[in-house]
């Protein structure tokens, strides 16, 4: 008894003595044991994986772990606002210029006349100004084709960019939900170009808006027991027609992007007793089974040992869950003119190890999302397979594992040897993500000549301090690669900021007894993390994305699906 009491006292003291690491975001678990990947294949055929307690890890769109998609069908229509018949007609309105009255577009003015001034009356009664995200709804007379009309504010015409298009789409979805509409139509707004000529909204902005509609109507209720409650019931909207200049290709691409983002959101939101390295590997297998263009190889622990992945396996050794090194390859139908590798950090749970996450601000309860980089990579893989570019070969790599505390776990002060034979002094077990990425980077470069390697990770809290919760950080020594990633982010409306890969800070990583330390000794923790990763890439153009901030947003419902758009755009670009 005295020995047990001493052990408990020691562990309690350890919890109090180990504050969360300021430089590391190496982002209770129910006991769960899924058999090997081989034995999960049978379960996959039924669309779910069974876990202890009779729960299931649900599938969506044939892929484990995704948020179930809404049943909405998008289409373009040649109907006019006057002739379209259905539950809810949604009309866009630009915000009035300062000190000016709100001006109706040609289509709205014609409809207002047809409805004996009902549109103007609705604007006046609600003091509607057209501000972004605002709306006003009214019933229409029985003689009208549509049952209800909704005015949706677009904001200022001069400021209408990707973020405003997203807001427009979200407001369409919220109006449809509030009115319990089964069918709806939205008029595509016209945007004045230089010279004054108004044209239908650009295809990329239409795509962004329709992605937002699909995502807003697809809610994550996988872990709700009462599927008939108001919160859990799926949205009633099943058809949305776009009137007046809809771009069919944009609608199709929006649906494919949303599918990948929902996969990522579902994975990142899944608790660690559901999403383990094994179920992540099973998710990759389900993707490969769905798309003939995807090939999958999952390296088990023994294979990783044979490859000398001591850094990755050092992180995993404290966990009861076995590691799974996932390598999925997209092969194009044509001759590949471009070859890239995306590497996602795949910590399905990060306790911090012996440098345990403790105290206020440690966010240990959210460390299920420390596989946000892996989630983004799998979501991007799905989008790439859906879009089927014929010019690129893409490798999607994840070193999946858990970082746990046990008698077998790595200790502060241990020295690990990575697969390129570099030795690493582990001064903080909560700076573990970079250790898993190190071996993954070496593995990727050994695949042969690549045009680029991009790793993505919820790596450091320092990046959140530097850029806040909405921006991802990017580090690269290759200006051309950095420019391509910046262009992909701008095209898709995701916020990404290039950060300095400051060679002046490299000395912080010097160890007196090993080749490297796994943390720096001064400030700039996100920079030293990137410099550490750079040590494991020789010649290939490389970039590192830190998404610790934008991977999660409590106000927006949790997992965001950040970086799926940027990564898939980067891969598919010529």
Protein backbone atom coordinates (compact mmCIF):
# COMPACT_ATOMS: atom_id res chain seq x y z
CA UNK A 1 0.00 0.00 0.00
CA UNK A 2 2.80 2.42 0.85
CA UNK A 3 4.43 1.74 -2.52
CA UNK A 4 1.13 2.43 -4.32
CA UNK A 5 0.63 5.61 -2.30
CA UNK A 6 4.15 6.77 -3.18
CA UNK A 7 3.51 6.09 -6.88
CA UNK A 8 0.26 8.06 -6.89
CA UNK A 9 1.95 10.92 -5.02
CA UNK A 10 4.81 10.95 -7.51
CA UNK A 11 2.50 11.01 -10.55
CA UNK A 12 0.36 13.78 -9.03
CA UNK A 13 3.49 15.79 -8.37
CA UNK A 14 4.59 15.19 -11.95
CA UNK A 15 1.31 16.60 -13.26
CA UNK A 16 1.77 19.75 -11.21
CA UNK A 17 5.43 20.15 -12.07
CA UNK A 18 5.11 19.92 -15.86
CA UNK A 19 3.50 23.05 -17.35
CA UNK A 20 2.46 23.03 -21.01
CA UNK A 21 5.28 23.90 -23.40
CA UNK A 22 4.94 27.37 -24.83
CA UNK A 23 6.85 26.45 -27.97
CA UNK A 24 5.08 23.18 -28.73
CA UNK A 25 1.58 22.53 -29.87
CA UNK A 26 2.38 18.91 -30.24
CA UNK A 27 -1.24 18.88 -29.91
CA UNK A 28 -9.25 10.39 -20.55
CA UNK A 29 -9.44 8.27 -23.47
CA UNK A 30 -11.84 5.37 -23.45
CA UNK A 31 -10.05 2.06 -23.81
CA UNK A 32 -10.50 0.78 -27.34
CA UNK A 33 -8.81 -1.98 -29.25
CA UNK A 34 -9.45 -2.48 -32.91
CA UNK A 35 -7.71 -5.44 -34.48
CA UNK A 36 -5.18 -5.07 -37.26
CA UNK A 37 -6.03 -3.30 -40.51
CA UNK A 38 -6.43 -6.70 -42.08
CA UNK A 39 -9.26 -7.63 -39.74
CA UNK A 40 -11.03 -4.28 -40.23
CA UNK A 41 -11.50 -4.91 -43.93
CA UNK A 42 -14.53 -7.10 -43.31
CA UNK A 43 -16.11 -4.40 -41.13
CA UNK A 44 -15.49 -1.83 -43.85
CA UNK A 45 -17.81 -3.63 -46.24
CA UNK A 46 -20.76 -2.85 -43.95
CA UNK A 47 -19.89 0.86 -43.93
CA UNK A 48 -18.78 1.13 -40.30
CA UNK A 49 -16.14 0.04 -37.82
CA UNK A 50 -17.38 -1.31 -34.51
CA UNK A 51 -15.67 -0.16 -31.35
CA UNK A 52 -15.96 -1.27 -27.75
CA UNK A 53 -19.34 -0.61 -26.17
CA UNK A 54 -21.31 -1.27 -29.36
CA UNK A 55 -20.65 2.14 -30.90
CA UNK A 56 -19.80 2.55 -34.55
CA UNK A 57 -17.38 4.76 -36.40
CA UNK A 58 -19.76 5.95 -39.09
CA UNK A 59 -19.04 6.34 -42.77
CA UNK A 60 -20.07 9.14 -45.09
CA UNK A 61 -19.86 9.10 -48.88
CA UNK A 62 -18.19 5.72 -48.58
CA UNK A 63 -15.43 7.13 -46.40
CA UNK A 64 -14.95 6.44 -42.72
CA UNK A 65 -15.03 9.38 -40.39
CA UNK A 66 -16.55 12.06 -42.61
CA UNK A 67 -19.41 14.33 -41.57
CA UNK A 68 -22.52 12.93 -43.33
CA UNK A 69 -23.29 15.15 -46.34
CA UNK A 70 -26.65 16.83 -46.73
CA UNK A 71 -29.02 15.52 -49.38
CA UNK A 72 -28.94 18.73 -51.38
CA UNK A 73 -28.81 18.68 -55.17
CA UNK A 74 -27.38 21.77 -56.85
CA UNK A 75 -28.43 22.70 -60.38
CA UNK A 76 -28.51 25.57 -62.82
CA UNK A 77 -31.85 26.69 -64.22
CA UNK A 78 -33.05 28.77 -67.13
CA UNK A 79 -36.06 29.93 -65.14
CA UNK A 80 -36.45 33.57 -64.10
CA UNK A 81 -37.31 34.83 -60.60
CA UNK A 82 -40.81 35.49 -61.90
CA UNK A 83 -41.36 32.02 -63.40
CA UNK A 84 -39.59 29.75 -60.89
CA UNK A 85 -41.95 27.79 -58.67
CA UNK A 86 -41.04 26.28 -55.30
CA UNK A 87 -40.85 26.91 -51.57
CA UNK A 88 -38.31 29.75 -51.30
CA UNK A 89 -37.01 32.26 -53.83
CA UNK A 90 -33.74 33.87 -52.61
CA UNK A 91 -32.76 37.20 -54.12
CA UNK A 92 -29.40 38.97 -53.69
CA UNK A 93 -29.22 42.65 -52.76
CA UNK A 94 -26.11 44.85 -52.76
CA UNK A 95 -25.61 47.13 -49.79
CA UNK A 96 -26.45 50.75 -50.48
CA UNK A 97 -23.58 53.16 -50.83
CA UNK A 98 -23.11 55.62 -48.00
CA UNK A 99 -25.80 58.34 -47.96
CA UNK A 100 -27.56 56.67 -50.89
CA UNK A 101 -30.78 54.70 -51.13
CA UNK A 102 -30.74 50.97 -51.77
CA UNK A 103 -31.03 50.29 -55.50
CA UNK A 104 -32.81 47.19 -56.83
CA UNK A 105 -31.18 45.28 -59.67
CA UNK A 106 -33.02 45.03 -62.99
CA UNK A 107 -34.37 41.57 -62.12
CA UNK A 108 -35.56 42.61 -58.66
CA UNK A 109 -37.16 45.80 -59.97
CA UNK A 110 -39.13 43.79 -62.54
CA UNK A 111 -40.25 41.30 -59.89
CA UNK A 112 -41.18 44.13 -57.52
CA UNK A 113 -43.45 45.58 -60.20
CA UNK A 114 -44.97 42.16 -60.88
CA UNK A 115 -45.70 41.74 -57.14
CA UNK A 116 -47.26 45.19 -56.75
CA UNK A 117 -44.35 46.60 -54.74
CA UNK A 118 -43.96 43.72 -52.24
CA UNK A 119 -40.15 43.73 -52.53
CA UNK A 120 -39.97 47.45 -51.77
CA UNK A 121 -42.43 47.03 -48.89
CA UNK A 122 -40.33 44.18 -47.45
CA UNK A 123 -37.23 46.37 -47.58
CA UNK A 124 -39.00 49.26 -45.88
CA UNK A 125 -40.72 47.18 -43.20
CA UNK A 126 -37.47 45.47 -42.15
CA UNK A 127 -35.23 48.52 -42.67
CA UNK A 128 -33.21 46.22 -44.87
CA UNK A 129 -29.90 47.75 -45.98
CA UNK A 130 -28.27 44.84 -47.83
CA UNK A 131 -25.51 44.31 -45.25
CA UNK A 132 -23.59 41.06 -45.68
CA UNK A 133 -25.36 38.21 -43.92
CA UNK A 134 -28.63 40.09 -43.39
CA UNK A 135 -31.95 38.75 -44.67
CA UNK A 136 -35.67 39.46 -44.80
CA UNK A 137 -38.42 36.97 -45.69
CA UNK A 138 -42.11 37.21 -46.52
CA UNK A 139 -44.94 35.08 -47.88
CA UNK A 140 -46.03 35.69 -51.47
CA UNK A 141 -49.61 35.79 -52.71
CA UNK A 142 -51.09 32.51 -53.91
CA UNK A 143 -50.96 33.72 -57.50
CA UNK A 144 -47.14 33.89 -57.38
CA UNK A 145 -45.07 30.93 -58.55
CA UNK A 146 -42.95 30.78 -55.38
CA UNK A 147 -44.40 30.48 -51.87
CA UNK A 148 -41.92 32.78 -50.11
CA UNK A 149 -39.26 35.29 -51.09
CA UNK A 150 -36.10 36.06 -49.14
CA UNK A 151 -33.82 39.04 -49.64
CA UNK A 152 -30.19 38.30 -48.78
CA UNK A 153 -27.64 41.06 -48.25
CA UNK A 154 -24.34 40.79 -50.11
CA UNK A 155 -22.51 43.70 -48.54
CA UNK A 156 -20.67 46.30 -50.56
CA UNK A 157 -20.18 45.46 -54.22
CA UNK A 158 -16.63 46.83 -54.20
CA UNK A 159 -15.64 44.48 -51.34
CA UNK A 160 -17.20 41.26 -52.63
CA UNK A 161 -14.47 38.64 -52.54
CA UNK A 162 -14.19 35.00 -51.43
CA UNK A 163 -15.10 35.71 -47.80
CA UNK A 164 -18.22 37.61 -48.90
CA UNK A 165 -19.21 34.79 -51.28
CA UNK A 166 -18.89 32.37 -48.36
CA UNK A 167 -21.13 34.61 -46.26
CA UNK A 168 -23.69 34.71 -49.08
CA UNK A 169 -23.76 30.91 -49.24
CA UNK A 170 -24.06 30.57 -45.47
CA UNK A 171 -26.99 33.01 -45.45
CA UNK A 172 -28.76 31.07 -48.21
CA UNK A 173 -28.44 27.95 -46.06
CA UNK A 174 -29.64 29.66 -42.87
CA UNK A 175 -32.69 31.12 -44.65
CA UNK A 176 -33.59 27.72 -46.10
CA UNK A 177 -33.23 26.11 -42.66
CA UNK A 178 -35.30 28.77 -40.90
CA UNK A 179 -38.10 28.53 -43.44
CA UNK A 180 -37.95 24.70 -43.56
CA UNK A 181 -37.85 24.89 -47.35
CA UNK A 182 -37.58 21.68 -49.36
CA UNK A 183 -36.93 23.47 -52.66
CA UNK A 184 -35.25 26.80 -53.20
CA UNK A 185 -33.80 28.93 -55.97
CA UNK A 186 -31.15 31.62 -55.66
CA UNK A 187 -30.56 34.33 -58.21
CA UNK A 188 -26.88 34.67 -59.07
CA UNK A 189 -25.84 38.28 -58.37
CA UNK A 190 -24.34 40.40 -61.11
CA UNK A 191 -21.10 42.18 -60.33
CA UNK A 192 -20.08 45.35 -62.13
CA UNK A 193 -16.69 45.10 -63.82
CA UNK A 194 -14.38 47.92 -64.81
CA UNK A 195 -16.22 50.02 -67.34
CA UNK A 196 -19.54 49.56 -65.58
CA UNK A 197 -20.84 46.43 -67.34
CA UNK A 198 -22.46 43.99 -64.92
CA UNK A 199 -21.83 40.28 -65.40
CA UNK A 200 -22.86 37.20 -63.40
CA UNK A 201 -20.63 36.39 -60.45
CA UNK A 202 -17.30 34.75 -61.40
CA UNK A 203 -17.24 30.95 -61.39
CA UNK A 204 -14.75 30.78 -58.49
CA UNK A 205 -17.02 32.92 -56.31
CA UNK A 206 -20.07 30.85 -57.26
CA UNK A 207 -18.11 27.75 -56.27
CA UNK A 208 -17.13 29.26 -52.91
CA UNK A 209 -20.74 30.21 -52.17
CA UNK A 210 -22.15 26.80 -53.06
CA UNK A 211 -19.46 25.06 -50.99
CA UNK A 212 -20.66 27.17 -48.06
CA UNK A 213 -24.27 26.13 -48.67
CA UNK A 214 -23.38 22.43 -48.72
CA UNK A 215 -21.15 22.66 -45.66
CA UNK A 216 -23.65 24.72 -43.67
CA UNK A 217 -26.40 22.17 -44.28
CA UNK A 218 -24.17 19.18 -43.37
CA UNK A 219 -24.11 18.99 -39.59
CA UNK A 220 -22.10 16.55 -37.52
CA UNK A 221 -24.56 14.50 -35.47
CA UNK A 222 -22.68 11.18 -35.61
CA UNK A 223 -22.33 11.02 -31.86
CA UNK A 224 -25.91 12.06 -31.01
CA UNK A 225 -28.08 9.22 -29.71
CA UNK A 226 -31.46 10.76 -30.61
CA UNK A 227 -31.41 10.98 -34.39
CA UNK A 228 -34.99 12.33 -34.44
CA UNK A 229 -34.32 15.41 -32.31
CA UNK A 230 -34.52 18.83 -33.95
CA UNK A 231 -30.75 19.24 -33.60
CA UNK A 232 -30.01 15.91 -35.28
CA UNK A 233 -32.56 15.98 -38.09
CA UNK A 234 -31.03 16.64 -41.51
CA UNK A 235 -31.90 19.85 -43.33
CA UNK A 236 -35.14 19.61 -45.29
CA UNK A 237 -33.70 21.39 -48.33
CA UNK A 238 -33.12 18.85 -51.11
CA UNK A 239 -32.86 21.05 -54.21
CA UNK A 240 -31.29 24.43 -54.89
CA UNK A 241 -31.48 25.91 -58.37
CA UNK A 242 -29.28 28.81 -59.40
CA UNK A 243 -30.94 31.29 -61.73
CA UNK A 244 -29.40 33.78 -64.09
CA UNK A 245 -25.89 32.78 -65.13
CA UNK A 246 -24.96 29.79 -63.00
CA UNK A 247 -21.70 28.03 -63.92
CA UNK A 248 -22.29 24.25 -64.07
CA UNK A 249 -18.59 23.41 -63.67
CA UNK A 250 -18.43 25.58 -60.54
CA UNK A 251 -21.41 23.74 -59.03
CA UNK A 252 -19.81 20.37 -59.74
CA UNK A 253 -16.48 21.42 -58.28
CA UNK A 254 -18.21 22.87 -55.20
CA UNK A 255 -19.78 19.50 -54.51
CA UNK A 256 -16.44 17.71 -54.85
CA UNK A 257 -14.62 20.21 -52.63
CA UNK A 258 -17.34 19.97 -50.00
CA UNK A 259 -17.00 16.18 -50.00
CA UNK A 260 -13.30 16.42 -49.13
CA UNK A 261 -13.84 19.13 -46.53
CA UNK A 262 -16.56 17.10 -44.82
CA UNK A 263 -14.18 14.14 -44.65
CA UNK A 264 -11.55 16.34 -43.00
CA UNK A 265 -14.02 17.92 -40.60
CA UNK A 266 -15.31 14.51 -39.56
CA UNK A 267 -11.84 13.13 -38.94
CA UNK A 268 -10.62 16.16 -36.99
CA UNK A 269 -13.79 16.24 -34.88
CA UNK A 270 -13.71 12.53 -34.05
CA UNK A 271 -12.65 11.67 -30.49
CA UNK A 272 -9.51 9.65 -29.98
CA UNK A 273 -11.38 6.53 -28.88
CA UNK A 274 -12.99 6.46 -32.34
CA UNK A 275 -10.21 7.82 -34.54
CA UNK A 276 -7.06 5.83 -33.83
CA UNK A 277 -4.08 5.20 -36.12
CA UNK A 278 -5.84 1.97 -37.14
CA UNK A 279 -9.12 3.62 -38.07
CA UNK A 280 -7.23 6.38 -39.89
CA UNK A 281 -5.54 3.70 -41.97
CA UNK A 282 -8.95 2.12 -42.55
CA UNK A 283 -10.24 5.51 -43.72
CA UNK A 284 -7.42 5.65 -46.26
CA UNK A 285 -8.28 2.11 -47.38
CA UNK A 286 -11.93 3.08 -47.86
CA UNK A 287 -10.78 5.96 -50.08
CA UNK A 288 -8.53 3.69 -52.11
CA UNK A 289 -11.38 1.21 -52.49
CA UNK A 290 -13.68 3.96 -53.75
CA UNK A 291 -11.30 5.46 -56.32
CA UNK A 292 -9.33 3.26 -58.72
CA UNK A 293 -6.83 6.12 -59.18
CA UNK A 294 -5.69 5.75 -55.54
CA UNK A 295 -3.21 3.12 -54.39
CA UNK A 296 -2.53 2.44 -50.72
CA UNK A 297 0.34 1.05 -48.73
CA UNK A 298 0.21 0.91 -44.92
CA UNK A 299 3.55 0.22 -43.21
CA UNK A 300 3.24 -1.61 -39.91
CA UNK A 301 5.60 -1.09 -36.99
CA UNK A 302 8.05 -3.81 -38.06
CA UNK A 303 8.37 -2.26 -41.53
CA UNK A 304 8.98 1.16 -40.00
CA UNK A 305 11.65 -0.36 -37.75
CA UNK A 306 13.33 -1.90 -40.81
CA UNK A 307 13.44 1.56 -42.40
CA UNK A 308 15.07 3.02 -39.29
CA UNK A 309 12.21 5.39 -38.40
CA UNK A 310 13.42 5.90 -34.85
CA UNK A 311 12.02 9.41 -34.46
CA UNK A 312 8.48 8.42 -35.44
CA UNK A 313 8.54 5.19 -33.46
CA UNK A 314 10.00 6.99 -30.45
CA UNK A 315 6.82 9.05 -30.24
CA UNK A 316 4.59 6.02 -30.70
CA UNK A 317 6.32 3.70 -28.21
CA UNK A 318 4.35 4.91 -25.19
CA UNK A 319 0.95 4.11 -26.70
CA UNK A 320 -1.04 0.90 -26.64
CA UNK A 321 -2.36 1.71 -30.11
CA UNK A 322 0.03 0.51 -32.86
CA UNK A 323 1.44 3.07 -35.29
CA UNK A 324 0.31 3.08 -38.91
CA UNK A 325 2.46 4.72 -41.58
CA UNK A 326 0.05 5.56 -44.40
CA UNK A 327 1.19 6.12 -47.98
CA UNK A 328 -1.52 6.72 -50.58
CA UNK A 329 -0.67 7.53 -54.19
CA UNK A 330 -2.83 9.20 -56.82
CA UNK A 331 -1.93 7.96 -60.31
CA UNK A 332 -3.23 10.02 -63.25
CA UNK A 333 -4.77 8.53 -66.38
CA UNK A 334 -2.18 10.35 -68.49
CA UNK A 335 1.56 10.88 -68.27
CA UNK A 336 2.47 12.71 -65.07
CA UNK A 337 4.22 15.99 -65.76
CA UNK A 338 4.29 16.92 -62.09
CA UNK A 339 5.02 14.87 -58.96
CA UNK A 340 4.34 16.13 -55.46
CA UNK A 341 4.09 14.76 -51.93
CA UNK A 342 1.83 16.02 -49.15
CA UNK A 343 2.69 14.96 -45.59
CA UNK A 344 0.20 15.39 -42.75
CA UNK A 345 0.96 15.23 -39.05
CA UNK A 346 -1.16 12.37 -37.72
CA UNK A 347 -1.19 12.44 -33.91
CA UNK A 348 -4.65 11.01 -33.21
CA UNK A 349 -4.15 12.04 -29.59
CA UNK A 350 -1.37 14.00 -27.94
CA UNK A 351 -1.12 13.89 -24.16
CA UNK A 352 2.23 15.67 -24.35
CA UNK A 353 4.02 12.56 -23.12
CA UNK A 354 6.03 13.00 -19.91
CA UNK A 355 5.98 16.76 -20.57
CA UNK A 356 2.27 16.29 -20.07
CA UNK A 357 -0.25 18.93 -21.04
CA UNK A 358 -1.55 20.21 -17.71
CA UNK A 359 -3.13 23.34 -16.36
CA UNK A 360 -5.29 26.06 -17.86
CA UNK A 361 -4.60 26.64 -21.53
CA UNK A 362 -3.06 23.23 -22.22
CA UNK A 363 -6.10 22.27 -24.35
CA UNK A 364 -5.54 18.60 -23.64
CA UNK A 365 -9.27 17.98 -24.09
CA UNK A 366 -8.95 19.15 -27.71
CA UNK A 367 -5.87 17.16 -28.63
CA UNK A 368 -7.97 14.88 -30.81
CA UNK A 369 -7.38 17.57 -33.46
CA UNK A 370 -3.61 17.13 -33.43
CA UNK A 371 -4.12 15.06 -36.56
CA UNK A 372 -5.50 18.11 -38.38
CA UNK A 373 -2.67 17.99 -40.91
CA UNK A 374 -3.40 14.33 -41.66
CA UNK A 375 -7.10 15.15 -41.93
CA UNK A 376 -6.36 17.89 -44.47
CA UNK A 377 -4.16 15.53 -46.48
CA UNK A 378 -6.86 12.84 -46.64
CA UNK A 379 -9.50 15.42 -47.53
CA UNK A 380 -7.25 16.76 -50.29
CA UNK A 381 -6.66 13.21 -51.52
CA UNK A 382 -10.41 12.74 -51.87
CA UNK A 383 -10.80 16.02 -53.78
CA UNK A 384 -7.91 15.19 -56.10
CA UNK A 385 -9.39 11.75 -56.80
CA UNK A 386 -12.79 13.37 -57.47
CA UNK A 387 -11.34 16.00 -59.84
CA UNK A 388 -9.06 13.44 -61.52
CA UNK A 389 -6.33 15.71 -62.97
CA UNK A 390 -4.47 13.89 -65.74
CA UNK A 391 -1.08 15.58 -65.36
CA UNK A 392 -0.01 15.03 -61.75
CA UNK A 393 1.12 12.17 -59.55
CA UNK A 394 0.49 12.92 -55.88
CA UNK A 395 1.66 11.10 -52.75
CA UNK A 396 -0.30 11.50 -49.51
CA UNK A 397 1.74 10.46 -46.47
CA UNK A 398 0.79 10.22 -42.79
CA UNK A 399 2.86 8.88 -39.89
CA UNK A 400 -0.12 8.12 -37.64
CA UNK A 401 0.35 7.40 -33.94
CA UNK A 402 -0.48 8.57 -30.42
CA UNK A 403 1.77 10.38 -27.93
CA UNK A 404 0.98 8.86 -24.53
CA UNK A 405 2.46 8.42 -21.06
CA UNK A 406 3.45 4.90 -20.01
CA UNK A 407 6.39 2.85 -18.78
CA UNK A 408 7.41 2.47 -22.42
CA UNK A 409 7.12 6.13 -23.41
CA UNK A 410 10.11 8.20 -24.46
CA UNK A 411 11.53 10.38 -21.72
CA UNK A 412 12.90 13.91 -21.72
CA UNK A 413 16.59 13.54 -22.45
CA UNK A 414 16.27 10.44 -24.66
CA UNK A 415 18.19 10.42 -27.93
CA UNK A 416 16.39 9.11 -31.03
CA UNK A 417 17.89 8.23 -34.39
CA UNK A 418 15.87 9.21 -37.45
CA UNK A 419 15.83 7.30 -40.74
CA UNK A 420 18.50 9.60 -42.23
CA UNK A 421 20.77 8.64 -39.28
CA UNK A 422 20.54 12.06 -37.65
CA UNK A 423 20.36 11.86 -33.87
CA UNK A 424 17.85 13.95 -31.91
CA UNK A 425 18.00 14.88 -28.24
CA UNK A 426 14.41 14.97 -26.98
CA UNK A 427 14.26 17.85 -24.53
CA UNK A 428 10.48 18.08 -24.63
CA UNK A 429 8.21 15.11 -25.34
CA UNK A 430 5.41 17.55 -26.24
CA UNK A 431 7.39 18.67 -29.29
CA UNK A 432 6.59 15.30 -30.84
CA UNK A 433 4.93 16.21 -34.14
CA UNK A 434 8.19 17.29 -35.71
CA UNK A 435 9.71 13.91 -34.78
CA UNK A 436 7.03 12.01 -36.71
CA UNK A 437 7.30 14.42 -39.65
CA UNK A 438 11.09 14.02 -39.76
CA UNK A 439 10.90 10.36 -40.78
CA UNK A 440 7.97 11.06 -43.09
CA UNK A 441 10.00 13.74 -44.91
CA UNK A 442 12.94 11.37 -45.37
CA UNK A 443 10.57 8.68 -46.68
CA UNK A 444 8.94 11.08 -49.15
CA UNK A 445 12.21 12.28 -50.62
CA UNK A 446 13.32 8.69 -51.17
CA UNK A 447 10.33 8.11 -53.47
CA UNK A 448 12.32 9.58 -56.31
CA UNK A 449 12.53 12.98 -57.98
CA UNK A 450 9.66 15.15 -56.75
CA UNK A 451 8.75 18.67 -57.80
CA UNK A 452 7.71 19.55 -54.26
CA UNK A 453 7.16 18.24 -50.75
CA UNK A 454 4.66 20.07 -48.53
CA UNK A 455 4.16 19.09 -44.91
CA UNK A 456 1.19 20.34 -42.92
CA UNK A 457 0.75 20.15 -39.16
CA UNK A 458 -0.88 21.55 -36.05
CA UNK A 459 2.67 22.07 -34.88
CA UNK A 460 3.16 25.06 -32.57
CA UNK A 461 1.24 27.31 -30.24
CA UNK A 462 3.79 29.94 -31.21
CA UNK A 463 2.18 30.14 -34.64
CA UNK A 464 -1.16 31.04 -33.03
CA UNK A 465 0.59 33.74 -30.98
CA UNK A 466 2.15 35.14 -34.16
CA UNK A 467 -0.78 34.90 -36.57
CA UNK A 468 -3.91 34.46 -34.47
CA UNK A 469 -6.57 31.80 -34.94
CA UNK A 470 -7.49 32.33 -38.61
CA UNK A 471 -4.19 32.31 -40.51
CA UNK A 472 -1.99 29.36 -41.33
CA UNK A 473 1.77 29.96 -41.40
CA UNK A 474 4.06 28.91 -44.24
CA UNK A 475 7.83 28.43 -44.24
CA UNK A 476 9.87 27.65 -47.33
CA UNK A 477 13.30 28.42 -48.72
CA UNK A 478 11.93 28.03 -52.26
CA UNK A 479 10.30 31.22 -53.54
CA UNK A 480 8.63 29.52 -56.50
CA UNK A 481 6.97 26.88 -54.33
CA UNK A 482 5.93 29.49 -51.77
CA UNK A 483 4.36 31.59 -54.52
CA UNK A 484 2.36 28.61 -55.80
CA UNK A 485 1.01 27.85 -52.34
CA UNK A 486 0.15 31.51 -51.76
CA UNK A 487 -1.66 31.60 -55.12
CA UNK A 488 -3.60 28.42 -54.25
CA UNK A 489 -4.66 29.86 -50.90
CA UNK A 490 -5.72 33.17 -52.46
CA UNK A 491 -7.67 31.43 -55.22
CA UNK A 492 -9.62 29.37 -52.69
CA UNK A 493 -10.11 32.06 -50.04
CA UNK A 494 -8.02 30.47 -47.28
CA UNK A 495 -5.77 32.70 -45.18
CA UNK A 496 -2.07 31.79 -45.41
CA UNK A 497 0.93 33.95 -44.47
CA UNK A 498 4.55 33.34 -45.37
CA UNK A 499 6.87 33.42 -42.36
CA UNK A 500 10.68 33.79 -42.17
CA UNK A 501 12.78 30.64 -42.25
CA UNK A 502 15.37 32.50 -40.20
CA UNK A 503 18.78 30.88 -40.51
CA UNK A 504 19.92 33.04 -37.57
CA UNK A 505 17.88 30.82 -35.23
CA UNK A 506 19.37 27.53 -36.39
CA UNK A 507 21.94 27.50 -33.59
CA UNK A 508 19.10 27.12 -31.11
CA UNK A 509 18.73 23.52 -32.30
CA UNK A 510 22.34 22.53 -31.64
CA UNK A 511 22.81 19.78 -29.07
CA UNK A 512 26.01 19.12 -27.15
CA UNK A 513 25.53 15.33 -27.27
CA UNK A 514 23.42 14.73 -30.43
CA UNK A 515 23.02 16.22 -33.89
CA UNK A 516 19.90 18.19 -32.99
CA UNK A 517 17.62 19.16 -30.14
CA UNK A 518 13.88 18.86 -30.78
CA UNK A 519 13.16 22.36 -29.42
CA UNK A 520 14.85 25.74 -29.60
CA UNK A 521 16.24 27.54 -26.60
CA UNK A 522 14.82 31.03 -27.27
CA UNK A 523 11.79 32.67 -28.86
CA UNK A 524 10.42 32.07 -32.34
CA UNK A 525 9.18 28.57 -31.59
CA UNK A 526 7.32 28.17 -34.87
CA UNK A 527 10.45 29.21 -36.79
CA UNK A 528 12.76 26.78 -34.98
CA UNK A 529 10.20 24.02 -35.55
CA UNK A 530 10.36 24.71 -39.30
CA UNK A 531 14.17 24.84 -39.19
CA UNK A 532 14.17 21.45 -37.45
CA UNK A 533 12.06 19.94 -40.25
CA UNK A 534 14.33 21.44 -42.91
CA UNK A 535 17.11 19.19 -41.60
CA UNK A 536 15.28 16.16 -43.02
CA UNK A 537 14.94 17.36 -46.62
CA UNK A 538 18.01 17.38 -48.86
CA UNK A 539 17.34 18.70 -52.35
CA UNK A 540 13.61 18.73 -53.03
CA UNK A 541 11.70 22.05 -52.93
CA UNK A 542 9.91 21.94 -49.58
CA UNK A 543 7.38 23.97 -47.63
CA UNK A 544 5.98 23.61 -44.13
CA UNK A 545 2.46 24.73 -43.19
CA UNK A 546 1.55 25.25 -39.53
CA UNK A 547 -2.24 25.20 -39.13
CA UNK A 548 -2.47 25.12 -35.32
CA UNK A 549 -4.81 28.15 -35.37
CA UNK A 550 -7.28 27.68 -38.23
CA UNK A 551 -7.76 23.90 -37.81
CA UNK A 552 -10.42 24.54 -35.13
CA UNK A 553 -13.00 27.25 -34.44
CA UNK A 554 -15.37 26.80 -31.50
CA UNK A 555 -17.63 29.62 -32.67
CA UNK A 556 -18.00 28.03 -36.11
CA UNK A 557 -18.73 24.56 -34.73
CA UNK A 558 -15.26 23.07 -34.21
CA UNK A 559 -13.32 21.43 -37.03
CA UNK A 560 -13.02 23.76 -40.02
CA UNK A 561 -11.54 21.59 -42.78
CA UNK A 562 -8.85 24.24 -43.27
CA UNK A 563 -6.26 23.66 -46.03
CA UNK A 564 -8.22 21.08 -48.06
CA UNK A 565 -8.95 23.79 -50.64
CA UNK A 566 -5.38 25.10 -50.75
CA UNK A 567 -3.73 21.68 -50.94
CA UNK A 568 -6.06 20.32 -53.62
CA UNK A 569 -5.73 23.51 -55.68
CA UNK A 570 -1.94 23.29 -55.38
CA UNK A 571 -1.87 19.65 -56.48
CA UNK A 572 -4.24 20.13 -59.41
CA UNK A 573 -2.69 23.35 -60.74
CA UNK A 574 -0.65 23.03 -63.91
